[in-house]
Amino acid sequence: MYLTVEDIEHSYSKVKSLQSNGICELFHKTVLEEFYNVAFRKKIYHSIEQLQKDLDDWLDEYNHMRTHQGKHCNGLTPMECFTKNKHLAQIKMIGYDNESDLQTA
């Protein structure tokens, strides 16, 4: 309903298909292998809040401290890569019509 109200087209990709949804699938695999599989061996969680806190801490380290060697990061952290290339996303934004918008963003 929200998508309809906002006039957003919902698109689907094939499940477990690296061709159509590779970045997402690889990230899910990384979270499973590097966080969940390790966390459940190290600690017994008594609440979902404890698990969420540890996941949030892991995600913060993943995004801000750990460098990535992927196609677009080339040794930057994901946050550095995002910040460096934010202007490219802004250019593709709906309603973007001039360069002055970029300079104020």
C-alpha atoms as a PDB file:
ATOM      1  CA  MET A   1       0.000   0.000   0.000  1.00  0.00           C
ATOM      2  CA  TYR A   2       2.832   2.390   0.887  1.00  0.00           C
ATOM      3  CA  LEU A   3       4.522   1.769  -2.455  1.00  0.00           C
ATOM      4  CA  THR A   4       1.288   2.555  -4.296  1.00  0.00           C
ATOM      5  CA  VAL A   5       0.742   5.762  -2.329  1.00  0.00           C
ATOM      6  CA  GLU A   6       4.325   6.858  -3.036  1.00  0.00           C
ATOM      7  CA  ASP A   7       4.077   5.746  -6.687  1.00  0.00           C
ATOM      8  CA  ILE A   8       6.982   3.324  -6.284  1.00  0.00           C
ATOM      9  CA  GLU A   9       7.209   0.269  -8.519  1.00  0.00           C
ATOM     10  CA  HIS A  10       8.089  -2.890  -6.584  1.00  0.00           C
ATOM     11  CA  SER A  11      10.448  -5.170  -8.475  1.00  0.00           C
ATOM     12  CA  TYR A  12      11.495  -8.704  -7.586  1.00  0.00           C
ATOM     13  CA  SER A  13      14.684 -10.620  -8.137  1.00  0.00           C
ATOM     14  CA  LYS A  14      15.294 -14.355  -8.162  1.00  0.00           C
ATOM     15  CA  VAL A  15      16.116 -15.830  -4.753  1.00  0.00           C
ATOM     16  CA  LYS A  16      19.736 -16.966  -4.365  1.00  0.00           C
ATOM     17  CA  SER A  17      20.653 -15.687  -7.797  1.00  0.00           C
ATOM     18  CA  LEU A  18      24.017 -13.968  -7.858  1.00  0.00           C
ATOM     19  CA  GLN A  19      23.237 -12.743 -11.358  1.00  0.00           C
ATOM     20  CA  SER A  20      20.212 -10.686 -10.344  1.00  0.00           C
ATOM     21  CA  ASN A  21      20.777  -9.980  -6.667  1.00  0.00           C
ATOM     22  CA  GLY A  22      24.453 -10.655  -6.076  1.00  0.00           C
ATOM     23  CA  ILE A  23      25.441  -7.863  -3.726  1.00  0.00           C
ATOM     24  CA  CYS A  24      22.539  -8.580  -1.384  1.00  0.00           C
ATOM     25  CA  GLU A  25      23.073 -12.328  -1.444  1.00  0.00           C
ATOM     26  CA  LEU A  26      26.804 -11.979  -0.750  1.00  0.00           C
ATOM     27  CA  PHE A  27      26.134  -9.604   2.144  1.00  0.00           C
ATOM     28  CA  HIS A  28      23.630 -12.042   3.664  1.00  0.00           C
ATOM     29  CA  LYS A  29      26.221 -14.806   3.356  1.00  0.00           C
ATOM     30  CA  THR A  30      28.831 -12.595   5.046  1.00  0.00           C
ATOM     31  CA  VAL A  31      26.480 -11.760   7.935  1.00  0.00           C
ATOM     32  CA  LEU A  32      25.669 -15.440   8.389  1.00  0.00           C
ATOM     33  CA  GLU A  33      29.267 -16.673   8.256  1.00  0.00           C
ATOM     34  CA  GLU A  34      31.050 -13.841  10.033  1.00  0.00           C
ATOM     35  CA  PHE A  35      28.472 -12.750  12.581  1.00  0.00           C
ATOM     36  CA  TYR A  36      25.715 -15.282  13.343  1.00  0.00           C
ATOM     37  CA  ASN A  37      27.773 -18.479  13.096  1.00  0.00           C
ATOM     38  CA  VAL A  38      30.451 -16.952  15.341  1.00  0.00           C
ATOM     39  CA  ALA A  39      28.131 -15.144  17.777  1.00  0.00           C
ATOM     40  CA  PHE A  40      26.061 -18.227  18.585  1.00  0.00           C
ATOM     41  CA  ARG A  41      29.239 -20.198  19.359  1.00  0.00           C
ATOM     42  CA  LYS A  42      30.556 -17.509  21.722  1.00  0.00           C
ATOM     43  CA  LYS A  43      27.481 -16.444  23.649  1.00  0.00           C
ATOM     44  CA  ILE A  44      24.074 -17.596  24.823  1.00  0.00           C
ATOM     45  CA  TYR A  45      21.556 -14.855  24.056  1.00  0.00           C
ATOM     46  CA  HIS A  46      18.734 -14.383  26.532  1.00  0.00           C
ATOM     47  CA  SER A  47      16.912 -11.704  24.544  1.00  0.00           C
ATOM     48  CA  ILE A  48      16.550 -10.437  21.013  1.00  0.00           C
ATOM     49  CA  GLU A  49      17.815  -7.059  22.268  1.00  0.00           C
ATOM     50  CA  GLN A  50      21.178  -8.600  23.229  1.00  0.00           C
ATOM     51  CA  LEU A  51      21.494 -10.177  19.803  1.00  0.00           C
ATOM     52  CA  GLN A  52      20.478  -6.925  18.079  1.00  0.00           C
ATOM     53  CA  LYS A  53      23.092  -4.957  20.075  1.00  0.00           C
ATOM     54  CA  ASP A  54      25.860  -7.348  19.023  1.00  0.00           C
ATOM     55  CA  LEU A  55      24.670  -7.284  15.403  1.00  0.00           C
ATOM     56  CA  ASP A  56      24.590  -3.462  15.447  1.00  0.00           C
ATOM     57  CA  ASP A  57      28.153  -3.397  16.815  1.00  0.00           C
ATOM     58  CA  TRP A  58      29.300  -5.845  14.120  1.00  0.00           C
ATOM     59  CA  LEU A  59      27.596  -3.797  11.388  1.00  0.00           C
ATOM     60  CA  ASP A  60      29.243  -0.619  12.664  1.00  0.00           C
ATOM     61  CA  GLU A  61      32.660  -2.271  12.453  1.00  0.00           C
ATOM     62  CA  TYR A  62      31.823  -3.768   9.037  1.00  0.00           C
ATOM     63  CA  ASN A  63      30.772  -0.391   7.609  1.00  0.00           C
ATOM     64  CA  HIS A  64      33.238   1.970   9.294  1.00  0.00           C
ATOM     65  CA  MET A  65      36.439   0.051  10.092  1.00  0.00           C
ATOM     66  CA  ARG A  66      36.792  -2.915   7.767  1.00  0.00           C
ATOM     67  CA  THR A  67      38.170  -2.191   4.321  1.00  0.00           C
ATOM     68  CA  HIS A  68      36.633  -3.954   1.316  1.00  0.00           C
ATOM     69  CA  GLN A  69      38.270  -5.078  -1.901  1.00  0.00           C
ATOM     70  CA  GLY A  70      35.127  -5.169  -4.030  1.00  0.00           C
ATOM     71  CA  LYS A  71      34.620  -3.606  -7.428  1.00  0.00           C
ATOM     72  CA  HIS A  72      33.648  -0.197  -6.081  1.00  0.00           C
ATOM     73  CA  CYS A  73      35.377   0.026  -2.677  1.00  0.00           C
ATOM     74  CA  ASN A  74      38.971  -0.768  -3.686  1.00  0.00           C
ATOM     75  CA  GLY A  75      40.352  -0.760  -0.144  1.00  0.00           C
ATOM     76  CA  LEU A  76      37.909   1.761   1.338  1.00  0.00           C
ATOM     77  CA  THR A  77      35.401   1.007   4.054  1.00  0.00           C
ATOM     78  CA  PRO A  78      31.792   0.835   2.825  1.00  0.00           C
ATOM     79  CA  MET A  79      31.038   4.190   4.490  1.00  0.00           C
ATOM     80  CA  GLU A  80      34.057   5.845   2.845  1.00  0.00           C
ATOM     81  CA  CYS A  81      32.967   4.417  -0.505  1.00  0.00           C
ATOM     82  CA  PHE A  82      29.383   5.626   0.029  1.00  0.00           C
ATOM     83  CA  THR A  83      30.508   9.124   1.027  1.00  0.00           C
ATOM     84  CA  LYS A  84      32.958   9.350  -1.871  1.00  0.00           C
ATOM     85  CA  ASN A  85      30.309   8.335  -4.426  1.00  0.00           C
ATOM     86  CA  LYS A  86      27.216   9.915  -2.878  1.00  0.00           C
ATOM     87  CA  HIS A  87      27.113  12.534  -5.624  1.00  0.00           C
ATOM     88  CA  LEU A  88      26.519   9.781  -8.216  1.00  0.00           C
ATOM     89  CA  ALA A  89      23.394   8.635  -6.379  1.00  0.00           C
ATOM     90  CA  GLN A  90      22.184  12.212  -6.059  1.00  0.00           C
ATOM     91  CA  ILE A  91      22.460  12.724  -9.807  1.00  0.00           C
ATOM     92  CA  LYS A  92      20.143   9.750 -10.345  1.00  0.00           C
ATOM     93  CA  MET A  93      17.570  10.977  -7.830  1.00  0.00           C
ATOM     94  CA  ILE A  94      14.113  11.729  -9.128  1.00  0.00           C
ATOM     95  CA  GLY A  95      13.608  15.465  -9.277  1.00  0.00           C
ATOM     96  CA  TYR A  96      17.304  16.289  -9.603  1.00  0.00           C
ATOM     97  CA  ASP A  97      17.572  19.006 -12.221  1.00  0.00           C
ATOM     98  CA  ASN A  98      20.740  21.037 -11.723  1.00  0.00           C
ATOM     99  CA  GLU A  99      24.230  20.979 -10.249  1.00  0.00           C
ATOM    100  CA  SER A 100      23.429  23.534  -7.547  1.00  0.00           C
ATOM    101  CA  ASP A 101      21.443  20.781  -5.797  1.00  0.00           C
ATOM    102  CA  LEU A 102      24.658  18.746  -5.509  1.00  0.00           C
ATOM    103  CA  GLN A 103      26.659  21.569  -4.017  1.00  0.00           C
ATOM    104  CA  THR A 104      24.173  22.130  -1.208  1.00  0.00           C
ATOM    105  CA  ALA A 105      23.760  18.433  -0.389  1.00  0.00           C
END
